[in-house]
Amino acid sequence: MVHYKQLTQHTPEAEAQGACAAQATSRVVLATSIHDLLLCEMGQDVDVALMLGPQEYARAVLSLCRSCGSPALARLARQFEQQSLLDARSEIAAQQQRLGNGSLRATFGLLARRSAQLLA
């Protein structure tokens, strides 16, 4: 009898892809929760897809969440920011695996730029 675990390959690349997919799903869930709560509490409709896209849009939405006075929205905004940073780190780690450790300086520069963009 062949078990499912024997049929699947557990490589670092496959695990990294699975982790990235889980993190992306988490950001979608958080963005959807922010959308629903903003709509319910303030009547503000935000675009979930845009929250996951351009950072400027997400920054504006998260600023609204923090300034509206709702503890639930402020908590979701913090979680979304934290997840975005985790996603950036995972992206960099995956890039390091693809390119090898010889490009550490370039990876550090990418991390610095990405972090600065997310925190600005």
PDB file of N, CA and C in Angstrom:
ATOM      1  N   MET A   1       0.840  -1.181   0.000  1.00  0.00           N
ATOM      2  CA  MET A   1       0.000   0.000   0.000  1.00  0.00           C
ATOM      3  C   MET A   1       0.885   1.245   0.000  1.00  0.00           C
ATOM      4  N   VAL A   2       0.626   2.183  -0.906  1.00  0.00           N
ATOM      5  CA  VAL A   2       1.402   3.413  -1.018  1.00  0.00           C
ATOM      6  C   VAL A   2       0.653   4.515  -0.289  1.00  0.00           C
ATOM      7  N   HIS A   3       1.359   5.216   0.574  1.00  0.00           N
ATOM      8  CA  HIS A   3       0.758   6.325   1.313  1.00  0.00           C
ATOM      9  C   HIS A   3       0.977   7.626   0.561  1.00  0.00           C
ATOM     10  N   TYR A   4       0.105   8.594   0.859  1.00  0.00           N
ATOM     11  CA  TYR A   4       0.180   9.888   0.207  1.00  0.00           C
ATOM     12  C   TYR A   4       1.540  10.541   0.428  1.00  0.00           C
ATOM     13  N   LYS A   5       2.080  10.438   1.643  1.00  0.00           N
ATOM     14  CA  LYS A   5       3.360  11.065   1.947  1.00  0.00           C
ATOM     15  C   LYS A   5       4.469  10.520   1.064  1.00  0.00           C
ATOM     16  N   GLN A   6       4.366   9.259   0.673  1.00  0.00           N
ATOM     17  CA  GLN A   6       5.385   8.672  -0.181  1.00  0.00           C
ATOM     18  C   GLN A   6       5.293   9.202  -1.605  1.00  0.00           C
ATOM     19  N   LEU A   7       4.125   9.665  -1.991  1.00  0.00           N
ATOM     20  CA  LEU A   7       3.930  10.165  -3.349  1.00  0.00           C
ATOM     21  C   LEU A   7       4.391  11.600  -3.520  1.00  0.00           C
ATOM     22  N   THR A   8       4.419  12.365  -2.443  1.00  0.00           N
ATOM     23  CA  THR A   8       4.801  13.772  -2.546  1.00  0.00           C
ATOM     24  C   THR A   8       6.267  13.933  -2.214  1.00  0.00           C
ATOM     25  N   GLN A   9       6.898  14.871  -2.862  1.00  0.00           N
ATOM     26  CA  GLN A   9       8.294  15.156  -2.582  1.00  0.00           C
ATOM     27  C   GLN A   9       8.366  16.368  -1.673  1.00  0.00           C
ATOM     28  N   HIS A  10       9.158  16.275  -0.640  1.00  0.00           N
ATOM     29  CA  HIS A  10       9.335  17.396   0.279  1.00  0.00           C
ATOM     30  C   HIS A  10      10.714  18.003   0.036  1.00  0.00           C
ATOM     31  N   THR A  11      10.743  18.972  -0.851  1.00  0.00           N
ATOM     32  CA  THR A  11      11.993  19.663  -1.143  1.00  0.00           C
ATOM     33  C   THR A  11      11.919  21.048  -0.501  1.00  0.00           C
ATOM     34  N   PRO A  12      13.054  21.697  -0.263  1.00  0.00           N
ATOM     35  CA  PRO A  12      13.023  23.051   0.294  1.00  0.00           C
ATOM     36  C   PRO A  12      12.230  24.022  -0.587  1.00  0.00           C
ATOM     37  N   GLU A  13      12.339  23.838  -1.904  1.00  0.00           N
ATOM     38  CA  GLU A  13      11.605  24.728  -2.812  1.00  0.00           C
ATOM     39  C   GLU A  13      10.100  24.542  -2.655  1.00  0.00           C
ATOM     40  N   ALA A  14       9.664  23.286  -2.540  1.00  0.00           N
ATOM     41  CA  ALA A  14       8.238  23.007  -2.387  1.00  0.00           C
ATOM     42  C   ALA A  14       7.728  23.556  -1.062  1.00  0.00           C
ATOM     43  N   GLU A  15       8.525  23.407  -0.007  1.00  0.00           N
ATOM     44  CA  GLU A  15       8.114  23.930   1.286  1.00  0.00           C
ATOM     45  C   GLU A  15       8.053  25.449   1.269  1.00  0.00           C
ATOM     46  N   ALA A  16       9.006  26.098   0.599  1.00  0.00           N
ATOM     47  CA  ALA A  16       9.003  27.561   0.504  1.00  0.00           C
ATOM     48  C   ALA A  16       7.779  28.044  -0.264  1.00  0.00           C
ATOM     49  N   GLN A  17       7.439  27.333  -1.350  1.00  0.00           N
ATOM     50  CA  GLN A  17       6.248  27.708  -2.120  1.00  0.00           C
ATOM     51  C   GLN A  17       4.989  27.550  -1.284  1.00  0.00           C
ATOM     52  N   GLY A  18       4.923  26.479  -0.496  1.00  0.00           N
ATOM     53  CA  GLY A  18       3.770  26.259   0.376  1.00  0.00           C
ATOM     54  C   GLY A  18       3.661  27.339   1.431  1.00  0.00           C
ATOM     55  N   ALA A  19       4.793  27.746   1.991  1.00  0.00           N
ATOM     56  CA  ALA A  19       4.785  28.807   3.001  1.00  0.00           C
ATOM     57  C   ALA A  19       4.350  30.124   2.380  1.00  0.00           C
ATOM     58  N   CYS A  20       4.833  30.425   1.172  1.00  0.00           N
ATOM     59  CA  CYS A  20       4.436  31.665   0.498  1.00  0.00           C
ATOM     60  C   CYS A  20       2.941  31.664   0.199  1.00  0.00           C
ATOM     61  N   ALA A  21       2.418  30.523  -0.223  1.00  0.00           N
ATOM     62  CA  ALA A  21       0.983  30.432  -0.510  1.00  0.00           C
ATOM     63  C   ALA A  21       0.169  30.637   0.755  1.00  0.00           C
ATOM     64  N   ALA A  22       0.620  30.076   1.872  1.00  0.00           N
ATOM     65  CA  ALA A  22      -0.097  30.245   3.135  1.00  0.00           C
ATOM     66  C   ALA A  22      -0.056  31.695   3.579  1.00  0.00           C
ATOM     67  N   GLN A  23       1.086  32.363   3.410  1.00  0.00           N
ATOM     68  CA  GLN A  23       1.196  33.752   3.804  1.00  0.00           C
ATOM     69  C   GLN A  23       0.330  34.643   2.917  1.00  0.00           C
ATOM     70  N   ALA A  24       0.318  34.352   1.622  1.00  0.00           N
ATOM     71  CA  ALA A  24      -0.522  35.133   0.712  1.00  0.00           C
ATOM     72  C   ALA A  24      -1.984  34.976   1.092  1.00  0.00           C
ATOM     73  N   THR A  25      -2.380  33.755   1.440  1.00  0.00           N
ATOM     74  CA  THR A  25      -3.753  33.516   1.865  1.00  0.00           C
ATOM     75  C   THR A  25      -4.052  34.309   3.126  1.00  0.00           C
ATOM     76  N   SER A  26      -3.099  34.361   4.034  1.00  0.00           N
ATOM     77  CA  SER A  26      -3.282  35.101   5.270  1.00  0.00           C
ATOM     78  C   SER A  26      -3.492  36.587   4.987  1.00  0.00           C
ATOM     79  N   ARG A  27      -2.730  37.152   4.069  1.00  0.00           N
ATOM     80  CA  ARG A  27      -2.905  38.563   3.708  1.00  0.00           C
ATOM     81  C   ARG A  27      -4.268  38.796   3.070  1.00  0.00           C
ATOM     82  N   VAL A  28      -4.722  37.845   2.277  1.00  0.00           N
ATOM     83  CA  VAL A  28      -6.045  37.970   1.656  1.00  0.00           C
ATOM     84  C   VAL A  28      -7.126  37.983   2.730  1.00  0.00           C
ATOM     85  N   VAL A  29      -6.991  37.075   3.704  1.00  0.00           N
ATOM     86  CA  VAL A  29      -7.966  37.002   4.797  1.00  0.00           C
ATOM     87  C   VAL A  29      -7.957  38.304   5.592  1.00  0.00           C
ATOM     88  N   LEU A  30      -6.767  38.816   5.910  1.00  0.00           N
ATOM     89  CA  LEU A  30      -6.676  40.066   6.667  1.00  0.00           C
ATOM     90  C   LEU A  30      -7.250  41.241   5.871  1.00  0.00           C
ATOM     91  N   ALA A  31      -6.915  41.317   4.584  1.00  0.00           N
ATOM     92  CA  ALA A  31      -7.442  42.408   3.747  1.00  0.00           C
ATOM     93  C   ALA A  31      -8.966  42.326   3.640  1.00  0.00           C
ATOM     94  N   THR A  32      -9.485  41.125   3.539  1.00  0.00           N
ATOM     95  CA  THR A  32     -10.945  40.945   3.469  1.00  0.00           C
ATOM     96  C   THR A  32     -11.596  41.345   4.786  1.00  0.00           C
ATOM     97  N   SER A  33     -10.968  40.995   5.896  1.00  0.00           N
ATOM     98  CA  SER A  33     -11.505  41.383   7.204  1.00  0.00           C
ATOM     99  C   SER A  33     -11.498  42.901   7.368  1.00  0.00           C
ATOM    100  N   ILE A  34     -10.412  43.541   6.937  1.00  0.00           N
ATOM    101  CA  ILE A  34     -10.341  45.004   6.982  1.00  0.00           C
ATOM    102  C   ILE A  34     -11.440  45.602   6.122  1.00  0.00           C
ATOM    103  N   HIS A  35     -11.615  45.077   4.911  1.00  0.00           N
ATOM    104  CA  HIS A  35     -12.664  45.552   4.014  1.00  0.00           C
ATOM    105  C   HIS A  35     -14.030  45.472   4.675  1.00  0.00           C
ATOM    106  N   ASP A  36     -14.339  44.304   5.222  1.00  0.00           N
ATOM    107  CA  ASP A  36     -15.661  44.090   5.820  1.00  0.00           C
ATOM    108  C   ASP A  36     -15.901  45.000   7.018  1.00  0.00           C
ATOM    109  N   LEU A  37     -14.891  45.131   7.875  1.00  0.00           N
ATOM    110  CA  LEU A  37     -15.047  45.944   9.082  1.00  0.00           C
ATOM    111  C   LEU A  37     -15.127  47.430   8.751  1.00  0.00           C
ATOM    112  N   LEU A  38     -14.341  47.894   7.799  1.00  0.00           N
ATOM    113  CA  LEU A  38     -14.431  49.296   7.386  1.00  0.00           C
ATOM    114  C   LEU A  38     -15.798  49.599   6.777  1.00  0.00           C
ATOM    115  N   LEU A  39     -16.304  48.666   6.008  1.00  0.00           N
ATOM    116  CA  LEU A  39     -17.614  48.847   5.391  1.00  0.00           C
ATOM    117  C   LEU A  39     -18.711  48.885   6.451  1.00  0.00           C
ATOM    118  N   CYS A  40     -18.613  48.001   7.419  1.00  0.00           N
ATOM    119  CA  CYS A  40     -19.621  47.902   8.467  1.00  0.00           C
ATOM    120  C   CYS A  40     -19.565  49.089   9.424  1.00  0.00           C
ATOM    121  N   GLU A  41     -18.365  49.437   9.882  1.00  0.00           N
ATOM    122  CA  GLU A  41     -18.233  50.472  10.907  1.00  0.00           C
ATOM    123  C   GLU A  41     -18.243  51.889  10.361  1.00  0.00           C
ATOM    124  N   MET A  42     -17.681  52.086   9.165  1.00  0.00           N
ATOM    125  CA  MET A  42     -17.530  53.451   8.657  1.00  0.00           C
ATOM    126  C   MET A  42     -18.206  53.701   7.321  1.00  0.00           C
ATOM    127  N   GLY A  43     -18.701  52.657   6.686  1.00  0.00           N
ATOM    128  CA  GLY A  43     -19.302  52.819   5.365  1.00  0.00           C
ATOM    129  C   GLY A  43     -18.265  53.037   4.279  1.00  0.00           C
ATOM    130  N   GLN A  44     -16.974  52.760   4.580  1.00  0.00           N
ATOM    131  CA  GLN A  44     -15.888  52.931   3.615  1.00  0.00           C
ATOM    132  C   GLN A  44     -15.656  51.619   2.883  1.00  0.00           C
ATOM    133  N   ASP A  45     -15.715  51.670   1.566  1.00  0.00           N
ATOM    134  CA  ASP A  45     -15.470  50.483   0.753  1.00  0.00           C
ATOM    135  C   ASP A  45     -14.042  50.549   0.214  1.00  0.00           C
ATOM    136  N   VAL A  46     -13.240  49.552   0.524  1.00  0.00           N
ATOM    137  CA  VAL A  46     -11.871  49.501   0.008  1.00  0.00           C
ATOM    138  C   VAL A  46     -11.734  48.285  -0.899  1.00  0.00           C
ATOM    139  N   ASP A  47     -10.803  48.373  -1.809  1.00  0.00           N
ATOM    140  CA  ASP A  47     -10.567  47.312  -2.786  1.00  0.00           C
ATOM    141  C   ASP A  47      -9.542  46.327  -2.226  1.00  0.00           C
ATOM    142  N   VAL A  48      -9.967  45.103  -1.979  1.00  0.00           N
ATOM    143  CA  VAL A  48      -9.088  44.073  -1.407  1.00  0.00           C
ATOM    144  C   VAL A  48      -7.917  43.792  -2.355  1.00  0.00           C
ATOM    145  N   ALA A  49      -8.183  43.698  -3.638  1.00  0.00           N
ATOM    146  CA  ALA A  49      -7.115  43.402  -4.603  1.00  0.00           C
ATOM    147  C   ALA A  49      -6.060  44.508  -4.611  1.00  0.00           C
ATOM    148  N   LEU A  50      -6.485  45.759  -4.492  1.00  0.00           N
ATOM    149  CA  LEU A  50      -5.518  46.852  -4.455  1.00  0.00           C
ATOM    150  C   LEU A  50      -4.721  46.860  -3.159  1.00  0.00           C
ATOM    151  N   MET A  51      -5.326  46.388  -2.076  1.00  0.00           N
ATOM    152  CA  MET A  51      -4.572  46.298  -0.823  1.00  0.00           C
ATOM    153  C   MET A  51      -3.416  45.318  -0.957  1.00  0.00           C
ATOM    154  N   LEU A  52      -3.589  44.322  -1.785  1.00  0.00           N
ATOM    155  CA  LEU A  52      -2.548  43.323  -1.982  1.00  0.00           C
ATOM    156  C   LEU A  52      -1.572  43.736  -3.076  1.00  0.00           C
ATOM    157  N   GLY A  53      -1.878  44.811  -3.769  1.00  0.00           N
ATOM    158  CA  GLY A  53      -1.036  45.269  -4.867  1.00  0.00           C
ATOM    159  C   GLY A  53      -0.155  46.432  -4.472  1.00  0.00           C
ATOM    160  N   PRO A  54      -0.436  47.613  -5.013  1.00  0.00           N
ATOM    161  CA  PRO A  54       0.423  48.771  -4.753  1.00  0.00           C
ATOM    162  C   PRO A  54       0.497  49.101  -3.262  1.00  0.00           C
ATOM    163  N   GLN A  55       1.707  49.299  -2.779  1.00  0.00           N
ATOM    164  CA  GLN A  55       1.895  49.553  -1.354  1.00  0.00           C
ATOM    165  C   GLN A  55       1.285  50.879  -0.907  1.00  0.00           C
ATOM    166  N   GLU A  56       1.220  51.844  -1.803  1.00  0.00           N
ATOM    167  CA  GLU A  56       0.675  53.149  -1.443  1.00  0.00           C
ATOM    168  C   GLU A  56      -0.788  53.028  -1.031  1.00  0.00           C
ATOM    169  N   TYR A  57      -1.537  52.215  -1.757  1.00  0.00           N
ATOM    170  CA  TYR A  57      -2.960  52.034  -1.451  1.00  0.00           C
ATOM    171  C   TYR A  57      -3.119  51.350  -0.092  1.00  0.00           C
ATOM    172  N   ALA A  58      -2.358  50.295   0.125  1.00  0.00           N
ATOM    173  CA  ALA A  58      -2.435  49.574   1.404  1.00  0.00           C
ATOM    174  C   ALA A  58      -2.052  50.500   2.552  1.00  0.00           C
ATOM    175  N   ARG A  59      -1.012  51.309   2.357  1.00  0.00           N
ATOM    176  CA  ARG A  59      -0.600  52.259   3.397  1.00  0.00           C
ATOM    177  C   ARG A  59      -1.720  53.220   3.754  1.00  0.00           C
ATOM    178  N   ALA A  60      -2.418  53.713   2.741  1.00  0.00           N
ATOM    179  CA  ALA A  60      -3.521  54.648   2.986  1.00  0.00           C
ATOM    180  C   ALA A  60      -4.660  53.972   3.756  1.00  0.00           C
ATOM    181  N   VAL A  61      -4.996  52.748   3.385  1.00  0.00           N
ATOM    182  CA  VAL A  61      -6.061  52.008   4.064  1.00  0.00           C
ATOM    183  C   VAL A  61      -5.666  51.721   5.507  1.00  0.00           C
ATOM    184  N   LEU A  62      -4.419  51.300   5.720  1.00  0.00           N
ATOM    185  CA  LEU A  62      -3.957  50.987   7.067  1.00  0.00           C
ATOM    186  C   LEU A  62      -3.913  52.238   7.938  1.00  0.00           C
ATOM    187  N   SER A  63      -3.583  53.358   7.347  1.00  0.00           N
ATOM    188  CA  SER A  63      -3.603  54.626   8.080  1.00  0.00           C
ATOM    189  C   SER A  63      -5.026  54.963   8.523  1.00  0.00           C
ATOM    190  N   LEU A  64      -5.979  54.740   7.649  1.00  0.00           N
ATOM    191  CA  LEU A  64      -7.383  54.950   7.993  1.00  0.00           C
ATOM    192  C   LEU A  64      -7.799  54.031   9.135  1.00  0.00           C
ATOM    193  N   CYS A  65      -7.354  52.781   9.085  1.00  0.00           N
ATOM    194  CA  CYS A  65      -7.679  51.808  10.140  1.00  0.00           C
ATOM    195  C   CYS A  65      -7.141  52.261  11.495  1.00  0.00           C
ATOM    196  N   ARG A  66      -5.922  52.787  11.495  1.00  0.00           N
ATOM    197  CA  ARG A  66      -5.310  53.214  12.754  1.00  0.00           C
ATOM    198  C   ARG A  66      -5.948  54.484  13.297  1.00  0.00           C
ATOM    199  N   SER A  67      -6.397  55.354  12.414  1.00  0.00           N
ATOM    200  CA  SER A  67      -6.899  56.659  12.860  1.00  0.00           C
ATOM    201  C   SER A  67      -8.397  56.697  13.145  1.00  0.00           C
ATOM    202  N   CYS A  68      -9.128  55.653  12.811  1.00  0.00           N
ATOM    203  CA  CYS A  68     -10.587  55.706  12.951  1.00  0.00           C
ATOM    204  C   CYS A  68     -11.065  55.470  14.381  1.00  0.00           C
ATOM    205  N   GLY A  69     -10.180  54.992  15.267  1.00  0.00           N
ATOM    206  CA  GLY A  69     -10.564  54.800  16.658  1.00  0.00           C
ATOM    207  C   GLY A  69     -11.089  53.413  16.996  1.00  0.00           C
ATOM    208  N   SER A  70     -11.118  52.530  16.032  1.00  0.00           N
ATOM    209  CA  SER A  70     -11.590  51.167  16.272  1.00  0.00           C
ATOM    210  C   SER A  70     -10.407  50.276  16.655  1.00  0.00           C
ATOM    211  N   PRO A  71     -10.433  49.699  17.859  1.00  0.00           N
ATOM    212  CA  PRO A  71      -9.347  48.809  18.254  1.00  0.00           C
ATOM    213  C   PRO A  71      -9.224  47.583  17.330  1.00  0.00           C
ATOM    214  N   ALA A  72     -10.344  47.097  16.853  1.00  0.00           N
ATOM    215  CA  ALA A  72     -10.323  45.921  15.967  1.00  0.00           C
ATOM    216  C   ALA A  72      -9.631  46.254  14.647  1.00  0.00           C
ATOM    217  N   LEU A  73      -9.930  47.424  14.089  1.00  0.00           N
ATOM    218  CA  LEU A  73      -9.288  47.824  12.833  1.00  0.00           C
ATOM    219  C   LEU A  73      -7.805  48.105  13.044  1.00  0.00           C
ATOM    220  N   ALA A  74      -7.443  48.703  14.165  1.00  0.00           N
ATOM    221  CA  ALA A  74      -6.029  48.967  14.459  1.00  0.00           C
ATOM    222  C   ALA A  74      -5.271  47.645  14.593  1.00  0.00           C
ATOM    223  N   ARG A  75      -5.888  46.658  15.225  1.00  0.00           N
ATOM    224  CA  ARG A  75      -5.260  45.339  15.374  1.00  0.00           C
ATOM    225  C   ARG A  75      -5.072  44.674  14.014  1.00  0.00           C
ATOM    226  N   LEU A  76      -6.101  44.734  13.174  1.00  0.00           N
ATOM    227  CA  LEU A  76      -5.997  44.149  11.830  1.00  0.00           C
ATOM    228  C   LEU A  76      -4.925  44.849  11.002  1.00  0.00           C
ATOM    229  N   ALA A  77      -4.817  46.170  11.152  1.00  0.00           N
ATOM    230  CA  ALA A  77      -3.788  46.925  10.424  1.00  0.00           C
ATOM    231  C   ALA A  77      -2.396  46.459  10.842  1.00  0.00           C
ATOM    232  N   ARG A  78      -2.176  46.286  12.141  1.00  0.00           N
ATOM    233  CA  ARG A  78      -0.878  45.790  12.630  1.00  0.00           C
ATOM    234  C   ARG A  78      -0.587  44.394  12.096  1.00  0.00           C
ATOM    235  N   GLN A  79      -1.592  43.534  12.109  1.00  0.00           N
ATOM    236  CA  GLN A  79      -1.407  42.170  11.613  1.00  0.00           C
ATOM    237  C   GLN A  79      -1.072  42.164  10.122  1.00  0.00           C
ATOM    238  N   PHE A  80      -1.756  43.026   9.366  1.00  0.00           N
ATOM    239  CA  PHE A  80      -1.500  43.101   7.927  1.00  0.00           C
ATOM    240  C   PHE A  80      -0.072  43.576   7.671  1.00  0.00           C
ATOM    241  N   GLU A  81       0.382  44.582   8.423  1.00  0.00           N
ATOM    242  CA  GLU A  81       1.752  45.075   8.266  1.00  0.00           C
ATOM    243  C   GLU A  81       2.764  43.988   8.615  1.00  0.00           C
ATOM    244  N   GLN A  82       2.530  43.283   9.721  1.00  0.00           N
ATOM    245  CA  GLN A  82       3.437  42.213  10.127  1.00  0.00           C
ATOM    246  C   GLN A  82       3.496  41.118   9.068  1.00  0.00           C
ATOM    247  N   GLN A  83       2.341  40.749   8.530  1.00  0.00           N
ATOM    248  CA  GLN A  83       2.309  39.709   7.510  1.00  0.00           C
ATOM    249  C   GLN A  83       3.010  40.167   6.241  1.00  0.00           C
ATOM    250  N   SER A  84       2.880  41.452   5.911  1.00  0.00           N
ATOM    251  CA  SER A  84       3.561  41.990   4.734  1.00  0.00           C
ATOM    252  C   SER A  84       5.072  41.913   4.900  1.00  0.00           C
ATOM    253  N   LEU A  85       5.562  42.213   6.104  1.00  0.00           N
ATOM    254  CA  LEU A  85       6.998  42.102   6.370  1.00  0.00           C
ATOM    255  C   LEU A  85       7.463  40.645   6.281  1.00  0.00           C
ATOM    256  N   LEU A  86       6.659  39.732   6.825  1.00  0.00           N
ATOM    257  CA  LEU A  86       6.995  38.310   6.724  1.00  0.00           C
ATOM    258  C   LEU A  86       7.044  37.864   5.268  1.00  0.00           C
ATOM    259  N   ASP A  87       6.092  38.355   4.475  1.00  0.00           N
ATOM    260  CA  ASP A  87       6.075  38.016   3.050  1.00  0.00           C
ATOM    261  C   ASP A  87       7.343  38.516   2.359  1.00  0.00           C
ATOM    262  N   ALA A  88       7.755  39.743   2.702  1.00  0.00           N
ATOM    263  CA  ALA A  88       8.959  40.308   2.093  1.00  0.00           C
ATOM    264  C   ALA A  88      10.176  39.467   2.461  1.00  0.00           C
ATOM    265  N   ARG A  89      10.260  39.058   3.723  1.00  0.00           N
ATOM    266  CA  ARG A  89      11.390  38.230   4.155  1.00  0.00           C
ATOM    267  C   ARG A  89      11.377  36.872   3.450  1.00  0.00           C
ATOM    268  N   SER A  90      10.194  36.291   3.301  1.00  0.00           N
ATOM    269  CA  SER A  90      10.088  35.003   2.614  1.00  0.00           C
ATOM    270  C   SER A  90      10.487  35.126   1.146  1.00  0.00           C
ATOM    271  N   GLU A  91      10.091  36.229   0.542  1.00  0.00           N
ATOM    272  CA  GLU A  91      10.453  36.474  -0.859  1.00  0.00           C
ATOM    273  C   GLU A  91      11.965  36.577  -1.009  1.00  0.00           C
ATOM    274  N   ILE A  92      12.600  37.240  -0.067  1.00  0.00           N
ATOM    275  CA  ILE A  92      14.046  37.398  -0.112  1.00  0.00           C
ATOM    276  C   ILE A  92      14.741  36.057   0.136  1.00  0.00           C
ATOM    277  N   ALA A  93      14.226  35.277   1.080  1.00  0.00           N
ATOM    278  CA  ALA A  93      14.812  33.962   1.355  1.00  0.00           C
ATOM    279  C   ALA A  93      14.701  33.054   0.137  1.00  0.00           C
ATOM    280  N   ALA A  94      13.558  33.103  -0.534  1.00  0.00           N
ATOM    281  CA  ALA A  94      13.378  32.294  -1.738  1.00  0.00           C
ATOM    282  C   ALA A  94      14.333  32.754  -2.831  1.00  0.00           C
ATOM    283  N   GLN A  95      14.526  34.058  -2.918  1.00  0.00           N
ATOM    284  CA  GLN A  95      15.447  34.592  -3.917  1.00  0.00           C
ATOM    285  C   GLN A  95      16.886  34.167  -3.611  1.00  0.00           C
ATOM    286  N   GLN A  96      17.228  34.150  -2.324  1.00  0.00           N
ATOM    287  CA  GLN A  96      18.563  33.697  -1.938  1.00  0.00           C
ATOM    288  C   GLN A  96      18.780  32.246  -2.337  1.00  0.00           C
ATOM    289  N   GLN A  97      17.760  31.424  -2.148  1.00  0.00           N
ATOM    290  CA  GLN A  97      17.885  30.015  -2.532  1.00  0.00           C
ATOM    291  C   GLN A  97      18.089  29.874  -4.028  1.00  0.00           C
ATOM    292  N   ARG A  98      17.346  30.661  -4.790  1.00  0.00           N
ATOM    293  CA  ARG A  98      17.468  30.568  -6.247  1.00  0.00           C
ATOM    294  C   ARG A  98      18.822  31.068  -6.733  1.00  0.00           C
ATOM    295  N   LEU A  99      19.307  32.167  -6.133  1.00  0.00           N
ATOM    296  CA  LEU A  99      20.534  32.794  -6.610  1.00  0.00           C
ATOM    297  C   LEU A  99      21.782  32.289  -5.905  1.00  0.00           C
ATOM    298  N   GLY A 100      21.610  31.653  -4.766  1.00  0.00           N
ATOM    299  CA  GLY A 100      22.770  31.198  -3.994  1.00  0.00           C
ATOM    300  C   GLY A 100      23.207  32.268  -3.018  1.00  0.00           C
ATOM    301  N   ASN A 101      24.074  31.907  -2.130  1.00  0.00           N
ATOM    302  CA  ASN A 101      24.523  32.828  -1.088  1.00  0.00           C
ATOM    303  C   ASN A 101      25.516  33.865  -1.587  1.00  0.00           C
ATOM    304  N   GLY A 102      26.017  33.744  -2.796  1.00  0.00           N
ATOM    305  CA  GLY A 102      26.981  34.696  -3.330  1.00  0.00           C
ATOM    306  C   GLY A 102      26.398  36.075  -3.534  1.00  0.00           C
ATOM    307  N   SER A 103      25.085  36.175  -3.565  1.00  0.00           N
ATOM    308  CA  SER A 103      24.461  37.469  -3.807  1.00  0.00           C
ATOM    309  C   SER A 103      23.908  38.060  -2.511  1.00  0.00           C
ATOM    310  N   LEU A 104      24.593  37.832  -1.408  1.00  0.00           N
ATOM    311  CA  LEU A 104      24.125  38.303  -0.110  1.00  0.00           C
ATOM    312  C   LEU A 104      24.021  39.819  -0.065  1.00  0.00           C
ATOM    313  N   ARG A 105      24.990  40.510  -0.621  1.00  0.00           N
ATOM    314  CA  ARG A 105      24.969  41.974  -0.600  1.00  0.00           C
ATOM    315  C   ARG A 105      23.759  42.506  -1.367  1.00  0.00           C
ATOM    316  N   ALA A 106      23.473  41.921  -2.521  1.00  0.00           N
ATOM    317  CA  ALA A 106      22.311  42.348  -3.309  1.00  0.00           C
ATOM    318  C   ALA A 106      21.022  42.035  -2.567  1.00  0.00           C
ATOM    319  N   THR A 107      20.971  40.896  -1.892  1.00  0.00           N
ATOM    320  CA  THR A 107      19.783  40.518  -1.135  1.00  0.00           C
ATOM    321  C   THR A 107      19.565  41.474   0.025  1.00  0.00           C
ATOM    322  N   PHE A 108      20.640  41.854   0.712  1.00  0.00           N
ATOM    323  CA  PHE A 108      20.510  42.794   1.823  1.00  0.00           C
ATOM    324  C   PHE A 108      19.976  44.130   1.324  1.00  0.00           C
ATOM    325  N   GLY A 109      20.465  44.571   0.181  1.00  0.00           N
ATOM    326  CA  GLY A 109      19.962  45.815  -0.400  1.00  0.00           C
ATOM    327  C   GLY A 109      18.488  45.724  -0.731  1.00  0.00           C
ATOM    328  N   LEU A 110      18.061  44.571  -1.264  1.00  0.00           N
ATOM    329  CA  LEU A 110      16.648  44.363  -1.577  1.00  0.00           C
ATOM    330  C   LEU A 110      15.815  44.392  -0.306  1.00  0.00           C
ATOM    331  N   LEU A 111      16.295  43.743   0.751  1.00  0.00           N
ATOM    332  CA  LEU A 111      15.578  43.726   2.022  1.00  0.00           C
ATOM    333  C   LEU A 111      15.451  45.133   2.589  1.00  0.00           C
ATOM    334  N   ALA A 112      16.528  45.901   2.536  1.00  0.00           N
ATOM    335  CA  ALA A 112      16.504  47.266   3.058  1.00  0.00           C
ATOM    336  C   ALA A 112      15.494  48.110   2.282  1.00  0.00           C
ATOM    337  N   ARG A 113      15.503  48.009   0.960  1.00  0.00           N
ATOM    338  CA  ARG A 113      14.554  48.788   0.156  1.00  0.00           C
ATOM    339  C   ARG A 113      13.119  48.357   0.416  1.00  0.00           C
ATOM    340  N   ARG A 114      12.885  47.055   0.466  1.00  0.00           N
ATOM    341  CA  ARG A 114      11.533  46.518   0.664  1.00  0.00           C
ATOM    342  C   ARG A 114      10.984  46.918   2.037  1.00  0.00           C
ATOM    343  N   SER A 115      11.834  46.817   3.077  1.00  0.00           N
ATOM    344  CA  SER A 115      11.417  47.192   4.421  1.00  0.00           C
ATOM    345  C   SER A 115      11.112  48.669   4.495  1.00  0.00           C
ATOM    346  N   ALA A 116      11.942  49.484   3.857  1.00  0.00           N
ATOM    347  CA  ALA A 116      11.723  50.930   3.853  1.00  0.00           C
ATOM    348  C   ALA A 116      10.405  51.277   3.168  1.00  0.00           C
ATOM    349  N   GLN A 117      10.096  50.584   2.091  1.00  0.00           N
ATOM    350  CA  GLN A 117       8.845  50.839   1.382  1.00  0.00           C
ATOM    351  C   GLN A 117       7.646  50.448   2.248  1.00  0.00           C
ATOM    352  N   LEU A 118       7.745  49.330   2.942  1.00  0.00           N
ATOM    353  CA  LEU A 118       6.625  48.864   3.751  1.00  0.00           C
ATOM    354  C   LEU A 118       6.409  49.741   4.971  1.00  0.00           C
ATOM    355  N   LEU A 119       7.478  50.289   5.520  1.00  0.00           N
ATOM    356  CA  LEU A 119       7.360  51.078   6.735  1.00  0.00           C
ATOM    357  C   LEU A 119       7.136  52.554   6.473  1.00  0.00           C
ATOM    358  N   ALA A 120       7.324  53.000   5.232  1.00  0.00           N
ATOM    359  CA  ALA A 120       7.151  54.421   4.907  1.00  0.00           C
ATOM    360  C   ALA A 120       5.695  54.836   4.962  1.00  0.00           C
TER     361      ALA A 120
END
